[in-house]
N, C-alpha and C. Protein backbone atom coordinates (compact mmCIF):
# COMPACT_ATOMS: atom_id res chain seq x y z
N MET A 1 6.03 28.68 -22.81
CA MET A 1 4.98 27.68 -22.74
C MET A 1 5.55 26.39 -22.12
N ASN A 2 4.76 25.72 -21.33
CA ASN A 2 5.15 24.47 -20.68
C ASN A 2 4.36 23.34 -21.32
N LYS A 3 4.98 22.66 -22.29
CA LYS A 3 4.31 21.66 -23.12
C LYS A 3 4.04 20.38 -22.33
N LYS A 4 2.81 19.92 -22.41
CA LYS A 4 2.44 18.64 -21.81
C LYS A 4 3.13 17.51 -22.57
N LEU A 5 3.67 16.55 -21.85
CA LEU A 5 4.38 15.43 -22.47
C LEU A 5 3.41 14.36 -22.95
N LYS A 6 3.74 13.74 -24.06
CA LYS A 6 3.00 12.58 -24.56
C LYS A 6 3.49 11.35 -23.81
N LEU A 7 2.70 10.29 -23.82
CA LEU A 7 3.08 9.07 -23.10
C LEU A 7 4.46 8.57 -23.49
N TRP A 8 4.78 8.58 -24.77
CA TRP A 8 6.07 8.06 -25.22
C TRP A 8 7.23 8.98 -24.87
N GLU A 9 6.94 10.20 -24.38
CA GLU A 9 7.99 11.14 -23.99
C GLU A 9 8.33 11.05 -22.50
N LEU A 10 7.62 10.21 -21.77
CA LEU A 10 7.80 10.12 -20.32
C LEU A 10 9.01 9.29 -19.91
N ASN A 11 9.58 8.55 -20.84
CA ASN A 11 10.78 7.74 -20.57
C ASN A 11 10.57 6.75 -19.42
N ARG A 12 9.43 6.10 -19.40
CA ARG A 12 9.15 5.08 -18.38
C ARG A 12 9.96 3.82 -18.68
N VAL A 13 10.26 3.08 -17.63
CA VAL A 13 10.97 1.82 -17.82
C VAL A 13 10.02 0.80 -18.44
N SER A 14 10.58 -0.16 -19.13
CA SER A 14 9.77 -1.24 -19.70
C SER A 14 9.31 -2.16 -18.57
N GLU A 15 8.31 -2.97 -18.84
CA GLU A 15 7.86 -3.94 -17.83
C GLU A 15 8.98 -4.89 -17.47
N GLU A 16 9.78 -5.27 -18.45
CA GLU A 16 10.90 -6.18 -18.19
C GLU A 16 11.94 -5.51 -17.28
N ASP A 17 12.30 -4.27 -17.58
CA ASP A 17 13.26 -3.56 -16.74
C ASP A 17 12.69 -3.30 -15.34
N PHE A 18 11.39 -2.99 -15.28
CA PHE A 18 10.75 -2.76 -13.98
C PHE A 18 10.83 -4.01 -13.11
N SER A 19 10.61 -5.17 -13.72
CA SER A 19 10.64 -6.42 -12.95
C SER A 19 12.03 -6.70 -12.38
N LYS A 20 13.06 -6.16 -13.03
CA LYS A 20 14.44 -6.39 -12.59
C LYS A 20 14.96 -5.33 -11.62
N GLN A 21 14.34 -4.16 -11.61
CA GLN A 21 14.89 -3.09 -10.79
C GLN A 21 14.66 -3.33 -9.30
N GLN A 22 15.57 -2.81 -8.50
CA GLN A 22 15.48 -2.92 -7.04
C GLN A 22 14.24 -2.16 -6.56
N LYS A 23 13.40 -2.84 -5.80
CA LYS A 23 12.18 -2.21 -5.29
C LYS A 23 12.45 -1.56 -3.94
N PHE A 24 11.62 -0.58 -3.61
CA PHE A 24 11.70 0.03 -2.29
C PHE A 24 11.22 -1.01 -1.28
N PRO A 25 11.82 -1.07 -0.09
CA PRO A 25 11.46 -2.10 0.90
C PRO A 25 10.15 -1.78 1.63
N ILE A 26 9.11 -1.66 0.82
CA ILE A 26 7.77 -1.35 1.33
C ILE A 26 6.83 -2.44 0.83
N VAL A 27 6.08 -3.01 1.76
CA VAL A 27 5.09 -4.04 1.44
C VAL A 27 3.72 -3.47 1.79
N VAL A 28 2.74 -3.73 0.95
CA VAL A 28 1.37 -3.30 1.19
C VAL A 28 0.54 -4.54 1.52
N ILE A 29 -0.28 -4.42 2.55
CA ILE A 29 -1.20 -5.50 2.92
C ILE A 29 -2.62 -4.95 2.84
N LEU A 30 -3.45 -5.62 2.06
CA LEU A 30 -4.86 -5.23 1.95
C LEU A 30 -5.69 -6.18 2.79
N ASP A 31 -6.39 -5.63 3.78
CA ASP A 31 -7.18 -6.39 4.74
C ASP A 31 -8.66 -6.27 4.40
N ASP A 32 -9.22 -7.31 3.81
CA ASP A 32 -10.66 -7.35 3.52
C ASP A 32 -11.17 -6.16 2.70
N ILE A 33 -10.46 -5.80 1.66
CA ILE A 33 -10.91 -4.72 0.77
C ILE A 33 -12.03 -5.26 -0.11
N ARG A 34 -13.17 -4.58 -0.10
CA ARG A 34 -14.34 -5.05 -0.83
C ARG A 34 -14.36 -4.61 -2.29
N SER A 35 -13.96 -3.38 -2.54
CA SER A 35 -14.10 -2.79 -3.87
C SER A 35 -13.00 -3.27 -4.82
N LEU A 36 -13.41 -3.85 -5.92
CA LEU A 36 -12.45 -4.29 -6.94
C LEU A 36 -11.73 -3.10 -7.55
N ASN A 37 -12.41 -1.97 -7.66
CA ASN A 37 -11.75 -0.76 -8.17
C ASN A 37 -10.67 -0.28 -7.22
N ASN A 38 -10.92 -0.36 -5.91
CA ASN A 38 -9.88 0.01 -4.95
C ASN A 38 -8.68 -0.92 -5.06
N ILE A 39 -8.92 -2.20 -5.21
CA ILE A 39 -7.82 -3.16 -5.35
C ILE A 39 -6.98 -2.82 -6.57
N GLY A 40 -7.63 -2.56 -7.68
CA GLY A 40 -6.90 -2.17 -8.89
C GLY A 40 -6.10 -0.89 -8.69
N SER A 41 -6.68 0.06 -7.98
CA SER A 41 -5.97 1.31 -7.70
C SER A 41 -4.72 1.07 -6.86
N PHE A 42 -4.80 0.15 -5.91
CA PHE A 42 -3.62 -0.19 -5.11
C PHE A 42 -2.51 -0.73 -6.00
N PHE A 43 -2.85 -1.59 -6.94
CA PHE A 43 -1.83 -2.14 -7.84
C PHE A 43 -1.17 -1.02 -8.65
N ARG A 44 -1.98 -0.14 -9.18
CA ARG A 44 -1.44 0.94 -10.00
C ARG A 44 -0.54 1.86 -9.17
N THR A 45 -0.96 2.17 -7.95
CA THR A 45 -0.15 3.01 -7.06
C THR A 45 1.14 2.30 -6.66
N ALA A 46 1.05 1.00 -6.39
CA ALA A 46 2.25 0.23 -6.02
C ALA A 46 3.26 0.21 -7.16
N ASP A 47 2.78 0.12 -8.38
CA ASP A 47 3.65 0.18 -9.55
C ASP A 47 4.30 1.56 -9.62
N ALA A 48 3.52 2.61 -9.48
CA ALA A 48 4.03 3.97 -9.59
C ALA A 48 5.11 4.27 -8.55
N PHE A 49 4.96 3.73 -7.34
CA PHE A 49 5.89 4.03 -6.26
C PHE A 49 6.90 2.90 -5.99
N ASN A 50 7.02 1.96 -6.94
CA ASN A 50 8.09 0.96 -6.88
C ASN A 50 8.03 0.11 -5.60
N ILE A 51 6.82 -0.29 -5.22
CA ILE A 51 6.60 -1.05 -4.00
C ILE A 51 7.01 -2.50 -4.22
N GLU A 52 7.58 -3.12 -3.20
CA GLU A 52 8.10 -4.48 -3.31
C GLU A 52 7.02 -5.53 -3.56
N LYS A 53 5.89 -5.44 -2.81
CA LYS A 53 4.91 -6.52 -2.90
C LYS A 53 3.59 -6.07 -2.31
N ILE A 54 2.51 -6.68 -2.80
CA ILE A 54 1.19 -6.52 -2.20
C ILE A 54 0.72 -7.89 -1.72
N TYR A 55 0.22 -7.92 -0.48
CA TYR A 55 -0.45 -9.11 0.04
C TYR A 55 -1.95 -8.82 0.06
N LEU A 56 -2.72 -9.74 -0.47
CA LEU A 56 -4.17 -9.64 -0.48
C LEU A 56 -4.70 -10.62 0.56
N CYS A 57 -5.44 -10.11 1.56
CA CYS A 57 -5.87 -10.95 2.67
C CYS A 57 -7.39 -10.98 2.80
N GLY A 58 -7.87 -12.08 3.38
CA GLY A 58 -9.29 -12.21 3.70
C GLY A 58 -10.16 -12.22 2.46
N ILE A 59 -11.16 -11.34 2.44
CA ILE A 59 -12.11 -11.31 1.32
C ILE A 59 -11.61 -10.51 0.13
N THR A 60 -10.42 -9.95 0.22
CA THR A 60 -9.87 -9.16 -0.88
C THR A 60 -9.76 -10.05 -2.12
N ALA A 61 -10.35 -9.60 -3.22
CA ALA A 61 -10.31 -10.36 -4.48
C ALA A 61 -8.91 -10.35 -5.07
N VAL A 62 -8.63 -11.34 -5.87
CA VAL A 62 -7.31 -11.47 -6.50
C VAL A 62 -7.43 -11.37 -8.02
N PRO A 63 -6.38 -10.90 -8.67
CA PRO A 63 -6.36 -10.90 -10.14
C PRO A 63 -6.30 -12.34 -10.65
N PRO A 64 -6.66 -12.60 -11.86
CA PRO A 64 -7.19 -11.64 -12.82
C PRO A 64 -8.69 -11.43 -12.62
N HIS A 65 -9.11 -10.21 -12.73
CA HIS A 65 -10.53 -9.87 -12.67
C HIS A 65 -10.72 -8.60 -13.48
N ARG A 66 -11.75 -8.59 -14.31
CA ARG A 66 -12.00 -7.47 -15.21
C ARG A 66 -12.13 -6.14 -14.45
N GLU A 67 -12.82 -6.15 -13.31
CA GLU A 67 -13.02 -4.91 -12.55
C GLU A 67 -11.73 -4.43 -11.89
N ILE A 68 -10.86 -5.33 -11.49
CA ILE A 68 -9.56 -4.93 -10.95
C ILE A 68 -8.73 -4.32 -12.07
N GLN A 69 -8.74 -4.95 -13.22
CA GLN A 69 -7.95 -4.49 -14.37
C GLN A 69 -8.35 -3.10 -14.84
N LYS A 70 -9.63 -2.72 -14.68
CA LYS A 70 -10.09 -1.41 -15.13
C LYS A 70 -9.29 -0.29 -14.48
N THR A 71 -8.94 -0.43 -13.22
CA THR A 71 -8.17 0.61 -12.54
C THR A 71 -6.69 0.27 -12.44
N ALA A 72 -6.33 -0.99 -12.50
CA ALA A 72 -4.92 -1.38 -12.41
C ALA A 72 -4.16 -1.06 -13.70
N LEU A 73 -4.83 -1.08 -14.82
CA LEU A 73 -4.22 -0.80 -16.12
C LEU A 73 -2.94 -1.62 -16.36
N GLY A 74 -3.00 -2.89 -16.02
CA GLY A 74 -1.87 -3.78 -16.28
C GLY A 74 -0.89 -3.94 -15.12
N ALA A 75 -1.08 -3.19 -14.05
CA ALA A 75 -0.13 -3.24 -12.93
C ALA A 75 -0.18 -4.58 -12.20
N THR A 76 -1.23 -5.37 -12.39
CA THR A 76 -1.25 -6.69 -11.76
C THR A 76 -0.20 -7.60 -12.40
N GLN A 77 0.29 -7.20 -13.57
CA GLN A 77 1.34 -7.95 -14.25
C GLN A 77 2.74 -7.49 -13.82
N THR A 78 2.85 -6.30 -13.26
CA THR A 78 4.16 -5.76 -12.92
C THR A 78 4.46 -5.77 -11.43
N VAL A 79 3.43 -5.77 -10.61
CA VAL A 79 3.62 -5.74 -9.16
C VAL A 79 3.54 -7.17 -8.61
N ASN A 80 4.53 -7.54 -7.83
CA ASN A 80 4.55 -8.84 -7.18
C ASN A 80 3.43 -8.88 -6.14
N TRP A 81 2.63 -9.95 -6.13
CA TRP A 81 1.54 -10.06 -5.17
C TRP A 81 1.34 -11.51 -4.76
N GLU A 82 0.65 -11.63 -3.62
CA GLU A 82 0.37 -12.96 -3.08
C GLU A 82 -0.90 -12.89 -2.24
N TYR A 83 -1.69 -13.95 -2.28
CA TYR A 83 -2.89 -14.02 -1.44
C TYR A 83 -2.56 -14.76 -0.15
N ARG A 84 -3.04 -14.23 0.96
CA ARG A 84 -2.95 -14.90 2.26
C ARG A 84 -4.30 -14.82 2.93
N GLU A 85 -4.80 -15.94 3.41
CA GLU A 85 -6.10 -15.96 4.06
C GLU A 85 -6.06 -15.22 5.40
N SER A 86 -5.02 -15.45 6.19
CA SER A 86 -4.97 -14.91 7.55
C SER A 86 -4.04 -13.70 7.65
N LEU A 87 -4.63 -12.56 7.93
CA LEU A 87 -3.86 -11.34 8.15
C LEU A 87 -2.97 -11.48 9.38
N VAL A 88 -3.50 -12.03 10.46
CA VAL A 88 -2.75 -12.16 11.70
C VAL A 88 -1.51 -13.03 11.50
N GLU A 89 -1.67 -14.17 10.84
CA GLU A 89 -0.52 -15.03 10.57
C GLU A 89 0.52 -14.34 9.71
N LEU A 90 0.06 -13.58 8.73
CA LEU A 90 0.99 -12.83 7.86
C LEU A 90 1.76 -11.80 8.66
N VAL A 91 1.09 -11.05 9.51
CA VAL A 91 1.76 -10.03 10.33
C VAL A 91 2.84 -10.68 11.18
N LYS A 92 2.51 -11.78 11.83
CA LYS A 92 3.49 -12.47 12.67
C LYS A 92 4.68 -12.95 11.85
N GLU A 93 4.41 -13.51 10.69
CA GLU A 93 5.48 -14.00 9.81
C GLU A 93 6.40 -12.86 9.36
N LEU A 94 5.82 -11.75 8.97
CA LEU A 94 6.63 -10.62 8.53
C LEU A 94 7.48 -10.08 9.67
N GLN A 95 6.90 -9.97 10.85
CA GLN A 95 7.66 -9.48 12.00
C GLN A 95 8.80 -10.43 12.36
N GLU A 96 8.56 -11.73 12.27
CA GLU A 96 9.62 -12.70 12.55
C GLU A 96 10.78 -12.57 11.57
N SER A 97 10.50 -12.09 10.37
CA SER A 97 11.56 -11.91 9.37
C SER A 97 12.23 -10.54 9.49
N GLY A 98 11.82 -9.74 10.49
CA GLY A 98 12.45 -8.44 10.72
C GLY A 98 11.74 -7.25 10.10
N THR A 99 10.59 -7.48 9.51
CA THR A 99 9.82 -6.40 8.91
C THR A 99 9.02 -5.68 9.99
N VAL A 100 9.08 -4.36 9.97
CA VAL A 100 8.26 -3.54 10.86
C VAL A 100 6.88 -3.44 10.22
N VAL A 101 5.83 -3.60 11.02
CA VAL A 101 4.47 -3.58 10.49
C VAL A 101 3.71 -2.40 11.08
N GLY A 102 3.09 -1.62 10.19
CA GLY A 102 2.28 -0.49 10.61
C GLY A 102 0.89 -0.55 10.03
N ALA A 103 -0.10 -0.28 10.84
CA ALA A 103 -1.48 -0.19 10.37
C ALA A 103 -1.78 1.26 10.04
N ILE A 104 -2.46 1.48 8.94
CA ILE A 104 -2.91 2.82 8.60
C ILE A 104 -4.33 2.93 9.18
N GLU A 105 -4.42 3.64 10.29
CA GLU A 105 -5.67 3.62 11.04
C GLU A 105 -5.69 4.80 12.00
N GLN A 106 -6.82 5.02 12.63
CA GLN A 106 -6.98 6.04 13.67
C GLN A 106 -7.21 5.32 14.99
N THR A 107 -6.26 5.46 15.90
CA THR A 107 -6.36 4.81 17.21
C THR A 107 -5.96 5.82 18.29
N GLU A 108 -5.97 5.37 19.53
CA GLU A 108 -5.63 6.27 20.64
C GLU A 108 -4.19 6.76 20.58
N GLU A 109 -3.29 5.91 20.10
CA GLU A 109 -1.87 6.29 20.00
C GLU A 109 -1.39 6.04 18.58
N THR A 110 -1.07 7.13 17.88
CA THR A 110 -0.64 7.00 16.49
C THR A 110 0.63 7.81 16.24
N VAL A 111 1.27 7.48 15.15
CA VAL A 111 2.33 8.30 14.58
C VAL A 111 1.69 8.99 13.39
N PHE A 112 1.70 10.32 13.39
CA PHE A 112 1.13 11.02 12.25
C PHE A 112 2.05 10.88 11.04
N LEU A 113 1.44 10.86 9.88
CA LEU A 113 2.18 10.58 8.64
C LEU A 113 3.39 11.48 8.46
N HIS A 114 3.28 12.73 8.82
CA HIS A 114 4.41 13.66 8.65
C HIS A 114 5.52 13.41 9.68
N GLN A 115 5.32 12.45 10.59
CA GLN A 115 6.32 12.13 11.61
C GLN A 115 6.92 10.73 11.41
N ILE A 116 6.76 10.16 10.22
CA ILE A 116 7.24 8.78 10.02
C ILE A 116 8.75 8.64 10.11
N ASN A 117 9.46 9.76 10.06
CA ASN A 117 10.91 9.67 10.24
C ASN A 117 11.28 9.20 11.65
N GLN A 118 10.31 9.16 12.56
CA GLN A 118 10.52 8.66 13.92
C GLN A 118 10.48 7.13 13.98
N ILE A 119 10.06 6.50 12.88
CA ILE A 119 9.94 5.05 12.84
C ILE A 119 11.23 4.48 12.25
N ALA A 120 11.89 3.61 13.01
CA ALA A 120 13.11 2.97 12.53
C ALA A 120 12.75 1.65 11.84
N TYR A 121 13.18 1.50 10.61
CA TYR A 121 12.92 0.26 9.87
C TYR A 121 13.86 0.14 8.69
N SER A 122 14.14 -1.09 8.30
CA SER A 122 14.84 -1.32 7.04
C SER A 122 13.86 -1.84 6.00
N LYS A 123 12.76 -2.43 6.49
CA LYS A 123 11.66 -2.87 5.62
C LYS A 123 10.37 -2.67 6.40
N ILE A 124 9.35 -2.16 5.72
CA ILE A 124 8.08 -1.90 6.41
C ILE A 124 6.92 -2.47 5.62
N ALA A 125 5.95 -3.00 6.34
CA ALA A 125 4.69 -3.47 5.77
C ALA A 125 3.60 -2.56 6.29
N LEU A 126 2.75 -2.09 5.39
CA LEU A 126 1.68 -1.16 5.75
C LEU A 126 0.33 -1.82 5.47
N ILE A 127 -0.50 -1.89 6.50
CA ILE A 127 -1.81 -2.53 6.38
C ILE A 127 -2.88 -1.47 6.12
N PHE A 128 -3.64 -1.68 5.06
CA PHE A 128 -4.79 -0.84 4.73
C PHE A 128 -6.03 -1.70 4.91
N GLY A 129 -7.03 -1.17 5.62
CA GLY A 129 -8.17 -1.98 6.01
C GLY A 129 -9.43 -1.78 5.19
N ASN A 130 -10.40 -2.59 5.54
CA ASN A 130 -11.71 -2.60 4.92
C ASN A 130 -12.31 -1.19 4.86
N GLU A 131 -13.02 -0.93 3.77
CA GLU A 131 -13.59 0.39 3.52
C GLU A 131 -14.55 0.86 4.61
N VAL A 132 -15.20 -0.04 5.33
CA VAL A 132 -16.15 0.34 6.38
C VAL A 132 -15.54 0.16 7.77
N ASP A 133 -14.93 -1.00 8.00
CA ASP A 133 -14.46 -1.35 9.35
C ASP A 133 -13.00 -1.05 9.61
N GLY A 134 -12.23 -0.69 8.59
CA GLY A 134 -10.82 -0.40 8.79
C GLY A 134 -10.00 -1.67 9.02
N VAL A 135 -8.85 -1.49 9.64
CA VAL A 135 -7.95 -2.62 9.95
C VAL A 135 -8.49 -3.35 11.16
N ALA A 136 -8.50 -4.67 11.10
CA ALA A 136 -9.00 -5.50 12.20
C ALA A 136 -8.22 -5.22 13.48
N GLN A 137 -8.93 -5.12 14.60
CA GLN A 137 -8.31 -4.83 15.89
C GLN A 137 -7.24 -5.86 16.25
N GLU A 138 -7.49 -7.12 15.94
CA GLU A 138 -6.50 -8.15 16.29
C GLU A 138 -5.19 -7.93 15.55
N ALA A 139 -5.23 -7.34 14.36
CA ALA A 139 -4.00 -7.00 13.64
C ALA A 139 -3.35 -5.76 14.23
N ILE A 140 -4.18 -4.76 14.56
CA ILE A 140 -3.65 -3.54 15.18
C ILE A 140 -2.89 -3.89 16.46
N ASP A 141 -3.43 -4.83 17.22
CA ASP A 141 -2.80 -5.24 18.48
C ASP A 141 -1.40 -5.81 18.26
N LEU A 142 -1.13 -6.35 17.09
CA LEU A 142 0.17 -6.94 16.79
C LEU A 142 1.15 -5.94 16.15
N CYS A 143 0.64 -4.85 15.62
CA CYS A 143 1.47 -3.93 14.85
C CYS A 143 2.52 -3.22 15.70
N ASN A 144 3.63 -2.91 15.06
CA ASN A 144 4.67 -2.13 15.71
C ASN A 144 4.27 -0.67 15.83
N HIS A 145 3.49 -0.18 14.86
CA HIS A 145 3.07 1.21 14.83
C HIS A 145 1.69 1.32 14.20
N VAL A 146 0.98 2.38 14.56
CA VAL A 146 -0.23 2.77 13.86
C VAL A 146 0.04 4.16 13.30
N ILE A 147 -0.17 4.30 12.01
CA ILE A 147 0.13 5.54 11.31
C ILE A 147 -1.19 6.18 10.89
N GLU A 148 -1.31 7.46 11.20
CA GLU A 148 -2.55 8.19 10.91
C GLU A 148 -2.27 9.33 9.93
N VAL A 149 -3.14 9.46 8.96
CA VAL A 149 -3.07 10.59 8.02
C VAL A 149 -3.86 11.74 8.64
N PRO A 150 -3.20 12.85 8.96
CA PRO A 150 -3.93 13.98 9.53
C PRO A 150 -4.98 14.49 8.53
N GLN A 151 -6.15 14.85 9.05
CA GLN A 151 -7.23 15.36 8.20
C GLN A 151 -7.83 16.59 8.88
N PHE A 152 -8.29 17.53 8.08
CA PHE A 152 -8.71 18.81 8.61
C PHE A 152 -10.14 19.21 8.24
N GLY A 153 -10.85 18.29 7.61
CA GLY A 153 -12.22 18.57 7.21
C GLY A 153 -13.24 17.93 8.13
N THR A 154 -14.46 17.79 7.63
CA THR A 154 -15.55 17.27 8.45
C THR A 154 -15.68 15.76 8.38
N LYS A 155 -15.10 15.13 7.37
CA LYS A 155 -15.20 13.67 7.23
C LYS A 155 -14.11 13.01 8.06
N HIS A 156 -14.36 11.79 8.50
CA HIS A 156 -13.42 11.12 9.41
C HIS A 156 -12.45 10.19 8.69
N SER A 157 -12.57 10.07 7.37
CA SER A 157 -11.64 9.18 6.67
C SER A 157 -11.53 9.54 5.20
N LEU A 158 -10.50 9.00 4.57
CA LEU A 158 -10.30 9.09 3.12
C LEU A 158 -10.70 7.77 2.49
N ASN A 159 -11.03 7.78 1.22
CA ASN A 159 -11.17 6.53 0.49
C ASN A 159 -9.85 5.76 0.65
N VAL A 160 -9.92 4.47 0.84
CA VAL A 160 -8.73 3.68 1.15
C VAL A 160 -7.68 3.75 0.04
N SER A 161 -8.09 3.79 -1.22
CA SER A 161 -7.09 3.86 -2.28
C SER A 161 -6.50 5.26 -2.40
N VAL A 162 -7.26 6.29 -2.06
CA VAL A 162 -6.71 7.66 -2.01
C VAL A 162 -5.70 7.74 -0.87
N CYS A 163 -6.07 7.19 0.26
CA CYS A 163 -5.18 7.14 1.42
C CYS A 163 -3.86 6.45 1.05
N ALA A 164 -3.96 5.37 0.29
CA ALA A 164 -2.75 4.64 -0.13
C ALA A 164 -1.82 5.53 -0.94
N GLY A 165 -2.37 6.33 -1.82
CA GLY A 165 -1.53 7.22 -2.62
C GLY A 165 -0.75 8.19 -1.76
N VAL A 166 -1.42 8.77 -0.77
CA VAL A 166 -0.79 9.72 0.13
C VAL A 166 0.29 9.03 0.96
N VAL A 167 -0.06 7.91 1.57
CA VAL A 167 0.86 7.19 2.47
C VAL A 167 2.06 6.63 1.71
N LEU A 168 1.80 5.98 0.59
CA LEU A 168 2.90 5.36 -0.15
C LEU A 168 3.86 6.40 -0.72
N TRP A 169 3.37 7.55 -1.10
CA TRP A 169 4.28 8.61 -1.55
C TRP A 169 5.18 9.03 -0.39
N GLU A 170 4.63 9.23 0.79
CA GLU A 170 5.44 9.66 1.94
C GLU A 170 6.52 8.64 2.26
N PHE A 171 6.18 7.36 2.25
CA PHE A 171 7.19 6.33 2.54
C PHE A 171 8.17 6.18 1.38
N SER A 172 7.71 6.30 0.16
CA SER A 172 8.60 6.19 -0.99
C SER A 172 9.63 7.31 -1.03
N LYS A 173 9.25 8.48 -0.57
CA LYS A 173 10.18 9.63 -0.57
C LYS A 173 11.44 9.30 0.22
N CYS A 174 11.32 8.46 1.24
CA CYS A 174 12.48 8.10 2.05
C CYS A 174 13.56 7.40 1.20
N PHE A 175 13.16 6.76 0.12
CA PHE A 175 14.10 6.02 -0.73
C PHE A 175 14.40 6.75 -2.02
N TYR A 176 13.55 7.66 -2.39
CA TYR A 176 13.67 8.39 -3.64
C TYR A 176 14.64 9.55 -3.55
N GLU A 177 14.60 10.23 -2.42
CA GLU A 177 15.41 11.46 -2.26
C GLU A 177 16.87 11.18 -2.13
């Protein structure tokens, strides 16, 4: 029999230890995310995958907010985050500091997610866009790469927070293995 573990048997790090541990050099940028539940999901996923920081841009709501907390389950307290009004200015600033910036989007020229080993970086920022309009074209124009999640069904996109789980796991594996 394969016994399901109880929460206290998972041996998770404490919030204090988590705040001190070395984070993976991955930054998440949320570009005009409308759904508070999606924002909360990003925080929870960032906590799970040891992400360095989340930037909230444009109309993206910021904690504390009851609707964000419903899906974040406290991760707004453990994940480092910052609000920035201008996505374009943030992208330029990150690139000037040596961070490679990639948009998660579908464009004419993309790197498919399973090919990210072709991207050279010591630190990467990944932009996730608005639920309807995606990542702003002016930001895509500045990005070093556009990364696409291959899909094989009839729909043309994933929910943005589901997409984040897939993408962040793939990038986190580079540091986990």
